[in-house]
Amino acid sequence: MKSLTVWLAAGLAALLLNFLCAEPSRAALPGAAALFAGSAPANLGVEQGRLAPCPETPNCVSSQAPDAVHKIESLSYSGDQAAARQTLIQVLGAVPRTQIVAQEENYIRAESQSRLLGFIDDLEFYFPPDAAGIEVRSSSRLGESDLGVNRRRLEQIRLALLDLGA
């Protein structure tokens, strides 16, 4: 009986250690990442100076949204656009479970994965020419509600940019 208890304790310790030290790019629950990742929408990117509109669901925010549910302020910066872009890339590199998947001179797209189930959110940043602001959009691929995660993430990015003097 004692060996069974030791075996169970060792197994539980290994599971806990695996959970706490899980690779940041994977969901903590095995198999969840493949189930809840979803596919990137086909309409991402900049079209005629605009990011894609948010769906009707409340799990999206955009600085170009016309309604209060989806509206978030664009990110402002001082200095030149190239420096702000580099600072944003630096900030995105520090956001947990987030990776940049596309970069152009005036556009950055990143994907951010939730820790527990591996849900993917698409983040977009557009640097309009001759503007000292970054248009933003963050949207969940799946589900109805994001419990405010997309808005909070963009606000944290805003604070990080301010802290770094962008």
Protein backbone atom coordinates (compact mmCIF):
# COMPACT_ATOMS: atom_id res chain seq x y z
CA MET A 1 0.00 0.00 0.00
CA LYS A 2 2.89 2.32 0.84
CA SER A 3 4.40 1.88 -2.64
CA LEU A 4 1.04 2.80 -4.25
CA THR A 5 0.89 5.99 -2.16
CA VAL A 6 4.45 6.89 -3.14
CA TRP A 7 3.69 6.14 -6.79
CA LEU A 8 0.54 8.33 -6.72
CA ALA A 9 2.36 11.17 -4.95
CA ALA A 10 5.18 11.04 -7.51
CA GLY A 11 2.67 11.04 -10.35
CA LEU A 12 0.79 14.00 -8.94
CA ALA A 13 4.05 15.88 -8.38
CA ALA A 14 5.08 15.22 -11.99
CA LEU A 15 1.71 16.46 -13.28
CA LEU A 16 1.94 19.60 -11.15
CA LEU A 17 5.50 20.26 -12.28
CA ASN A 18 4.48 19.75 -15.91
CA PHE A 19 1.58 22.18 -15.45
CA LEU A 20 3.71 24.84 -13.78
CA CYS A 21 6.58 24.53 -16.24
CA ALA A 22 4.52 23.91 -19.36
CA GLU A 23 5.91 25.36 -22.53
CA PRO A 24 4.29 28.80 -22.93
CA SER A 25 3.19 28.13 -26.49
CA ARG A 26 1.03 25.17 -25.48
CA ALA A 27 -2.21 24.94 -23.56
CA ALA A 28 -1.87 23.52 -20.06
CA LEU A 29 -4.46 20.82 -20.67
CA PRO A 30 -3.19 18.17 -23.10
CA GLY A 31 -5.00 18.23 -26.42
CA ALA A 32 -6.83 21.47 -25.66
CA ALA A 33 -4.68 23.61 -27.96
CA ALA A 34 -5.72 21.69 -31.06
CA LEU A 35 -9.37 21.67 -30.00
CA PHE A 36 -9.74 25.36 -29.10
CA ALA A 37 -7.24 27.14 -31.37
CA GLY A 38 -9.61 27.72 -34.27
CA SER A 39 -8.46 29.10 -37.61
CA ALA A 40 -7.35 32.63 -38.38
CA PRO A 41 -10.14 34.57 -40.11
CA ALA A 42 -9.58 35.25 -43.80
CA ASN A 43 -10.41 38.97 -43.45
CA LEU A 44 -7.42 39.93 -41.24
CA GLY A 45 -5.13 42.69 -42.45
CA VAL A 46 -5.58 46.24 -43.69
CA GLU A 47 -8.07 46.99 -46.45
CA GLN A 48 -8.30 50.60 -47.63
CA GLY A 49 -6.80 51.89 -44.40
CA ARG A 50 -9.12 49.85 -42.18
CA LEU A 51 -8.79 46.77 -40.06
CA ALA A 52 -11.56 44.18 -40.27
CA PRO A 53 -14.74 45.13 -38.43
CA CYS A 54 -15.51 43.28 -35.21
CA PRO A 55 -18.16 40.57 -35.32
CA GLU A 56 -21.36 41.21 -33.37
CA THR A 57 -20.09 39.10 -30.47
CA PRO A 58 -18.52 41.02 -27.54
CA ASN A 59 -15.19 39.14 -27.78
CA CYS A 60 -13.52 41.75 -30.00
CA VAL A 61 -12.25 45.31 -29.59
CA SER A 62 -11.07 47.72 -32.27
CA SER A 63 -9.97 51.33 -32.37
CA GLN A 64 -11.93 51.67 -35.59
CA ALA A 65 -15.19 50.24 -34.21
CA PRO A 66 -18.17 52.62 -34.36
CA ASP A 67 -19.97 51.24 -31.28
CA ALA A 68 -19.14 51.47 -27.57
CA VAL A 69 -19.13 47.69 -26.99
CA HIS A 70 -16.22 47.14 -29.37
CA LYS A 71 -14.51 50.54 -29.26
CA ILE A 72 -11.05 50.99 -27.75
CA GLU A 73 -8.75 53.99 -28.19
CA SER A 74 -5.89 53.69 -30.65
CA LEU A 75 -2.38 53.48 -29.20
CA SER A 76 -0.54 56.78 -29.26
CA TYR A 77 3.18 57.35 -29.38
CA SER A 78 5.63 60.21 -29.50
CA GLY A 79 8.58 60.27 -31.84
CA ASP A 80 8.79 58.53 -35.16
CA GLN A 81 6.77 55.61 -36.41
CA ALA A 82 9.76 53.30 -36.90
CA ALA A 83 10.80 53.67 -33.25
CA ALA A 84 7.22 53.08 -32.06
CA ARG A 85 7.03 49.97 -34.25
CA GLN A 86 10.26 48.59 -32.74
CA THR A 87 9.01 49.33 -29.22
CA LEU A 88 5.72 47.55 -29.98
CA ILE A 89 7.64 44.51 -31.26
CA GLN A 90 9.65 44.54 -28.02
CA VAL A 91 6.45 44.73 -25.94
CA LEU A 92 4.76 41.93 -27.88
CA GLY A 93 7.82 39.77 -27.27
CA ALA A 94 7.18 40.10 -23.53
CA VAL A 95 3.43 39.35 -23.62
CA PRO A 96 2.98 35.76 -22.37
CA ARG A 97 2.04 33.12 -24.96
CA THR A 98 2.05 35.72 -27.75
CA GLN A 99 3.93 35.49 -31.01
CA ILE A 100 4.17 37.78 -34.00
CA VAL A 101 3.01 35.92 -37.11
CA ALA A 102 3.09 38.68 -39.76
CA GLN A 103 5.01 41.93 -40.16
CA GLU A 104 4.93 44.58 -42.81
CA GLU A 105 6.20 48.15 -42.71
CA ASN A 106 2.86 49.48 -41.45
CA TYR A 107 1.21 46.34 -40.01
CA ILE A 108 1.86 43.71 -37.33
CA ARG A 109 -0.28 40.67 -36.59
CA ALA A 110 0.21 38.52 -33.52
CA GLU A 111 -1.52 35.55 -31.97
CA SER A 112 -2.04 35.18 -28.25
CA GLN A 113 -2.95 31.85 -26.68
CA SER A 114 -4.84 31.36 -23.42
CA ARG A 115 -2.94 29.42 -20.78
CA LEU A 116 -5.49 26.83 -19.77
CA LEU A 117 -7.42 25.80 -22.88
CA GLY A 118 -5.32 27.26 -25.70
CA PHE A 119 -7.90 29.64 -27.19
CA ILE A 120 -6.26 31.90 -29.80
CA ASP A 121 -6.88 35.64 -30.08
CA ASP A 122 -5.74 37.58 -33.15
CA LEU A 123 -4.08 40.94 -32.46
CA GLU A 124 -3.57 43.50 -35.22
CA PHE A 125 -1.66 46.78 -35.21
CA TYR A 126 -1.85 49.21 -38.13
CA PHE A 127 0.41 52.25 -38.46
CA PRO A 128 -1.46 54.67 -40.75
CA PRO A 129 0.81 56.97 -42.75
CA ASP A 130 1.17 60.50 -41.37
CA ALA A 131 -0.53 59.66 -38.05
CA ALA A 132 0.94 59.47 -34.56
CA GLY A 133 -1.28 56.59 -33.57
CA ILE A 134 -1.55 52.85 -33.98
CA GLU A 135 -4.94 51.44 -34.94
CA VAL A 136 -5.58 48.20 -33.03
CA ARG A 137 -7.87 45.21 -33.17
CA SER A 138 -7.96 42.15 -30.91
CA SER A 139 -10.49 39.39 -31.38
CA SER A 140 -11.14 35.87 -30.15
CA ARG A 141 -11.45 33.26 -32.86
CA LEU A 142 -14.02 31.15 -31.04
CA GLY A 143 -16.82 31.66 -28.57
CA GLU A 144 -19.14 34.45 -27.58
CA SER A 145 -17.48 36.16 -24.64
CA ASP A 146 -13.81 36.69 -23.79
CA LEU A 147 -14.53 38.05 -20.29
CA GLY A 148 -12.76 41.27 -21.30
CA VAL A 149 -9.42 39.61 -22.06
CA ASN A 150 -8.86 41.31 -25.44
CA ARG A 151 -9.53 44.78 -24.02
CA ARG A 152 -7.32 44.19 -20.96
CA ARG A 153 -4.47 42.85 -23.09
CA LEU A 154 -4.48 45.90 -25.35
CA GLU A 155 -4.64 48.22 -22.34
CA GLN A 156 -1.62 46.42 -20.84
CA ILE A 157 0.22 46.87 -24.14
CA ARG A 158 -0.71 50.56 -24.06
CA LEU A 159 0.77 50.90 -20.54
CA ALA A 160 3.92 49.04 -21.55
CA LEU A 161 4.42 51.37 -24.52
CA LEU A 162 4.03 54.38 -22.20
CA ASP A 163 6.47 52.88 -19.69
CA LEU A 164 9.03 52.44 -22.47
CA GLY A 165 8.57 56.04 -23.60
CA ALA A 166 6.96 55.30 -26.94
